[in-house]
Protein backbone atom coordinates (compact mmCIF):
# COMPACT_ATOMS: atom_id res chain seq x y z
CA MET A 1 82.65 76.78 90.50
CA ASP A 2 85.37 77.24 93.09
CA TYR A 3 86.37 80.53 91.48
CA VAL A 4 82.82 81.85 91.96
CA SER A 5 82.85 81.06 95.69
CA ALA A 6 86.30 82.67 95.93
CA LEU A 7 85.16 85.90 94.25
CA VAL A 8 81.81 86.37 96.00
CA PRO A 9 83.07 87.55 99.45
CA PRO A 10 85.39 90.29 98.08
CA PHE A 11 82.66 91.44 95.69
CA VAL A 12 80.09 91.61 98.50
CA MET A 13 82.52 93.51 100.74
CA ALA A 14 83.28 95.96 97.92
CA VAL A 15 79.58 96.64 97.35
CA LEU A 16 78.96 97.14 101.08
CA PHE A 17 81.96 99.47 101.33
CA ILE A 18 80.71 101.56 98.40
CA LEU A 19 77.26 101.79 100.00
CA LEU A 20 78.81 102.84 103.32
CA VAL A 21 80.90 105.58 101.71
CA ARG A 22 77.89 106.76 99.72
CA THR A 23 75.78 106.97 102.89
CA ILE A 24 78.49 108.93 104.71
CA VAL A 25 78.87 111.38 101.83
CA LYS A 26 75.11 111.89 101.50
CA SER A 27 74.73 112.56 105.23
CA GLN A 28 77.21 115.44 105.04
CA GLY A 29 75.81 118.91 104.54
CA GLY A 30 72.26 120.21 104.54
CA ALA A 31 70.24 120.50 107.74
CA ASN A 32 72.42 117.91 109.48
CA LYS A 33 75.52 120.01 108.91
CA ALA A 34 73.97 123.06 110.56
CA LYS A 35 72.96 121.00 113.62
CA GLU A 36 76.38 119.37 113.88
CA ASP A 37 78.16 122.71 113.52
CA ALA A 38 75.97 124.27 116.21
CA ALA A 39 76.68 121.38 118.59
CA ILE A 40 80.44 121.64 118.02
CA ASP A 41 80.36 125.42 118.47
CA ALA A 42 78.51 125.00 121.79
CA VAL A 43 81.04 122.46 123.05
CA LEU A 44 83.95 124.66 122.05
CA ALA A 45 82.36 127.71 123.68
CA ARG A 46 81.85 125.79 126.94
CA ALA A 47 85.43 124.53 126.88
CA ASP A 48 86.73 128.04 126.21
CA ALA A 49 84.63 129.51 129.04
CA ALA A 50 85.87 126.84 131.45
CA ARG A 51 89.46 127.48 130.43
CA GLN A 52 89.10 131.23 130.98
CA GLN A 53 87.57 130.76 134.44
CA SER A 54 90.49 128.67 135.68
């Protein structure tokens, strides 16, 4: 039974890691991507305008 208790933590961590990666991949694209791109474009435009003023 010691081998079972030794294998459980790595197995649990592997499953959690796979779920995390899957969540990250699924959250990319779609409506979220358009919002994120718009936010980044706005920040870059503000930074560019501030750089041109100085």
